[in-house]
């Protein structure tokens, strides 16, 4: 089973990816391919550089380049896989064609996401710790002012097989993920946990 995760900045995708990793999924992130490129170019790992370089790679090598590079790392991985940080429709199209992925969208209100984003930025010592920084990064992430090779999270959410709203506690979010895994994908988180405990 291959699951793709999409969603705007600070929506809770990372929590879902961590949860699925705990259930035995191999987790790969398209953002890691961008981080590698930013480092190779000798640039600081700021959000703006990550956004610029990601767009640049897609423009030069095609909209699915990050998905293609991530796929190379899969090799002969057997078992379930999560591909995180999908931000462009071309990535979904490519991964659906090659791997038949199921795309889960995670979304939350802009107000909650701003709160979580600023809290995370302070804790991690990241750049962009003001409300204006969030608004600028978020607008770009969603696709405002971006061309077809840019970030298009709104369009990606429209292509998702399901969109889970993260408006409550982490427990509620993970329960919603469990429900989808069981009801739509026939995957039992509880059965997986029990078999790991044996």
Protein backbone atom coordinates (compact mmCIF):
# COMPACT_ATOMS: atom_id res chain seq x y z
CA UNK A 1 0.00 0.00 0.00
CA UNK A 2 1.32 3.45 -0.89
CA UNK A 3 -0.23 6.54 0.71
CA UNK A 4 0.50 10.10 -0.37
CA UNK A 5 0.02 12.96 2.10
CA UNK A 6 -0.98 16.45 1.02
CA UNK A 7 -1.99 19.50 2.98
CA UNK A 8 -1.08 23.09 3.70
CA UNK A 9 1.66 24.27 6.06
CA UNK A 10 1.22 23.15 9.70
CA UNK A 11 -1.97 21.18 9.03
CA UNK A 12 -0.82 18.03 10.86
CA UNK A 13 0.68 16.00 7.98
CA UNK A 14 3.82 15.36 10.01
CA UNK A 15 1.81 13.86 12.87
CA UNK A 16 0.05 11.51 10.44
CA UNK A 17 3.37 10.52 8.82
CA UNK A 18 4.88 9.78 12.26
CA UNK A 19 1.83 7.70 13.20
CA UNK A 20 2.04 5.67 10.00
CA UNK A 21 5.78 5.16 10.55
CA UNK A 22 4.92 3.71 13.98
CA UNK A 23 2.56 1.31 12.17
CA UNK A 24 5.48 0.05 10.09
CA UNK A 25 5.16 2.22 6.98
CA UNK A 26 8.36 3.42 5.28
CA UNK A 27 8.04 7.23 5.16
CA UNK A 28 9.69 9.31 2.43
CA UNK A 29 9.26 13.06 2.00
CA UNK A 30 9.47 15.00 -1.27
CA UNK A 31 10.69 17.95 0.82
CA UNK A 32 13.85 15.98 1.64
CA UNK A 33 14.78 16.01 -2.06
CA UNK A 34 14.46 19.82 -1.98
CA UNK A 35 16.54 20.07 1.21
CA UNK A 36 19.26 18.00 -0.46
CA UNK A 37 19.29 20.35 -3.44
CA UNK A 38 19.30 23.50 -1.27
CA UNK A 39 22.30 22.10 0.66
CA UNK A 40 24.06 21.11 -2.59
CA UNK A 41 23.68 24.71 -3.78
CA UNK A 42 25.20 25.97 -0.53
CA UNK A 43 22.08 27.91 0.47
CA UNK A 44 20.62 28.32 3.97
CA UNK A 45 17.66 25.99 4.67
CA UNK A 46 15.06 28.77 4.94
CA UNK A 47 11.45 28.20 3.91
CA UNK A 48 11.81 30.74 1.10
CA UNK A 49 14.87 28.94 -0.30
CA UNK A 50 13.06 25.60 -0.06
CA UNK A 51 10.07 27.01 -1.93
CA UNK A 52 12.26 28.68 -4.59
CA UNK A 53 14.47 25.65 -5.19
CA UNK A 54 11.50 23.24 -5.30
CA UNK A 55 9.86 25.41 -7.96
CA UNK A 56 13.16 25.69 -9.83
CA UNK A 57 13.64 21.91 -9.94
CA UNK A 58 10.11 21.34 -11.23
CA UNK A 59 10.56 24.03 -13.89
CA UNK A 60 13.89 22.59 -15.13
CA UNK A 61 13.22 18.85 -14.85
CA UNK A 62 9.41 18.63 -15.00
CA UNK A 63 6.60 18.81 -12.46
CA UNK A 64 7.14 15.27 -11.17
CA UNK A 65 10.94 15.48 -10.59
CA UNK A 66 10.73 15.30 -6.77
CA UNK A 67 8.44 12.28 -6.94
CA UNK A 68 10.76 10.64 -9.48
CA UNK A 69 13.85 11.21 -7.31
CA UNK A 70 12.00 9.88 -4.26
CA UNK A 71 10.89 6.79 -6.18
CA UNK A 72 14.56 5.97 -6.89
CA UNK A 73 15.12 5.70 -3.12
CA UNK A 74 12.34 3.15 -2.75
CA UNK A 75 14.33 0.53 -4.60
CA UNK A 76 13.04 -2.88 -3.63
CA UNK A 77 11.31 -1.69 -0.44
CA UNK A 78 8.58 -4.16 0.39
CA UNK A 79 5.85 -3.25 2.81
CA UNK A 80 3.68 -0.18 3.06
CA UNK A 81 4.96 3.27 2.08
CA UNK A 82 4.02 6.89 2.82
CA UNK A 83 5.11 9.71 0.53
CA UNK A 84 4.82 13.03 2.36
CA UNK A 85 4.97 16.69 1.29
CA UNK A 86 3.28 16.40 -2.10
CA UNK A 87 2.71 19.96 -3.33
CA UNK A 88 2.11 19.81 -7.08
CA UNK A 89 -0.58 18.01 -9.12
CA UNK A 90 2.10 16.56 -11.45
CA UNK A 91 3.53 14.69 -8.46
CA UNK A 92 0.14 13.11 -7.72
CA UNK A 93 -0.41 12.19 -11.38
CA UNK A 94 3.04 10.58 -11.61
CA UNK A 95 2.72 8.65 -8.34
CA UNK A 96 -0.79 7.45 -9.20
CA UNK A 97 0.43 6.26 -12.59
CA UNK A 98 3.57 4.51 -11.29
CA UNK A 99 2.51 3.34 -7.80
CA UNK A 100 -1.29 3.65 -7.70
CA UNK A 101 -1.09 5.77 -4.55
CA UNK A 102 -4.04 6.69 -2.36
CA UNK A 103 -3.87 10.41 -1.52
CA UNK A 104 -4.92 11.54 1.94
CA UNK A 105 -5.34 15.28 2.46
CA UNK A 106 -4.95 16.85 5.91
CA UNK A 107 -6.36 20.34 6.39
CA UNK A 108 -7.11 22.74 9.24
CA UNK A 109 -8.35 26.30 9.56
CA UNK A 110 -5.82 29.05 8.75
CA UNK A 111 -6.15 30.35 12.33
CA UNK A 112 -5.17 27.02 13.87
CA UNK A 113 -2.42 26.48 11.34
CA UNK A 114 -0.93 29.90 12.05
CA UNK A 115 -0.90 29.12 15.76
CA UNK A 116 0.78 25.73 15.18
CA UNK A 117 3.20 27.16 12.60
CA UNK A 118 4.42 29.96 14.90
CA UNK A 119 4.71 27.59 17.87
CA UNK A 120 6.73 25.13 15.76
CA UNK A 121 8.97 27.88 14.34
CA UNK A 122 9.81 29.14 17.84
CA UNK A 123 10.48 25.62 19.17
CA UNK A 124 12.72 24.70 16.23
CA UNK A 125 14.45 28.08 16.02
CA UNK A 126 13.29 28.44 12.40
CA UNK A 127 13.04 31.59 10.34
CA UNK A 128 9.59 33.10 9.84
CA UNK A 129 8.19 33.63 13.32
CA UNK A 130 5.68 36.44 12.65
CA UNK A 131 2.05 36.37 11.52
CA UNK A 132 3.11 38.07 8.26
CA UNK A 133 5.73 35.34 7.65
CA UNK A 134 3.04 32.67 7.99
CA UNK A 135 0.63 34.49 5.65
CA UNK A 136 3.32 34.92 2.99
CA UNK A 137 4.55 31.30 3.15
CA UNK A 138 1.00 29.93 3.38
CA UNK A 139 -0.32 31.90 0.39
CA UNK A 140 2.54 30.68 -1.73
CA UNK A 141 2.15 27.08 -0.51
CA UNK A 142 -1.55 27.13 -1.43
CA UNK A 143 -0.69 28.31 -4.95
CA UNK A 144 -1.41 32.05 -4.90
CA UNK A 145 0.75 33.72 -7.55
CA UNK A 146 2.42 30.40 -8.43
CA UNK A 147 2.72 29.01 -11.96
CA UNK A 148 1.99 25.38 -12.87
CA UNK A 149 5.45 24.28 -11.68
CA UNK A 150 5.03 25.99 -8.32
CA UNK A 151 3.34 24.87 -5.17
CA UNK A 152 -0.33 24.09 -5.69
CA UNK A 153 -1.60 22.63 -2.44
CA UNK A 154 -5.21 23.73 -3.06
CA UNK A 155 -5.26 21.84 -6.36
CA UNK A 156 -3.61 18.82 -4.69
CA UNK A 157 -6.29 18.75 -1.99
CA UNK A 158 -8.94 18.76 -4.73
CA UNK A 159 -7.27 15.64 -6.18
CA UNK A 160 -7.10 13.79 -2.83
CA UNK A 161 -9.09 10.59 -2.27
CA UNK A 162 -10.15 11.97 1.11
CA UNK A 163 -9.53 15.19 3.06
CA UNK A 164 -9.44 14.88 6.85
CA UNK A 165 -10.15 18.06 8.81
CA UNK A 166 -7.79 18.52 11.75
CA UNK A 167 -9.75 20.89 13.97
CA UNK A 168 -9.55 19.08 17.30
CA UNK A 169 -6.96 17.08 19.23
CA UNK A 170 -4.19 14.92 17.81
CA UNK A 171 -6.16 11.90 19.12
CA UNK A 172 -9.17 12.88 16.98
CA UNK A 173 -6.95 13.35 13.93
CA UNK A 174 -5.40 9.89 14.28
CA UNK A 175 -8.79 8.30 14.95
CA UNK A 176 -10.02 9.79 11.64
CA UNK A 177 -6.94 8.35 9.89
CA UNK A 178 -7.64 4.94 11.49
CA UNK A 179 -11.25 5.07 10.31
CA UNK A 180 -10.19 5.75 6.72
CA UNK A 181 -7.50 3.04 6.77
CA UNK A 182 -10.01 0.48 8.04
CA UNK A 183 -13.13 1.45 6.09
CA UNK A 184 -11.60 2.33 2.72
CA UNK A 185 -8.23 0.57 2.54
CA UNK A 186 -8.96 -2.57 4.58
CA UNK A 187 -5.91 -1.94 6.76
CA UNK A 188 -6.15 -2.70 10.48
CA UNK A 189 -3.97 -0.42 12.65
CA UNK A 190 -4.95 -2.43 15.74
CA UNK A 191 -4.00 -5.72 14.08
CA UNK A 192 -0.66 -4.22 13.03
CA UNK A 193 0.03 -2.98 16.56
CA UNK A 194 -0.79 -6.41 18.02
CA UNK A 195 1.46 -8.25 15.56
CA UNK A 196 4.33 -5.83 16.32
CA UNK A 197 3.91 -6.49 20.06
CA UNK A 198 4.26 -10.29 19.64
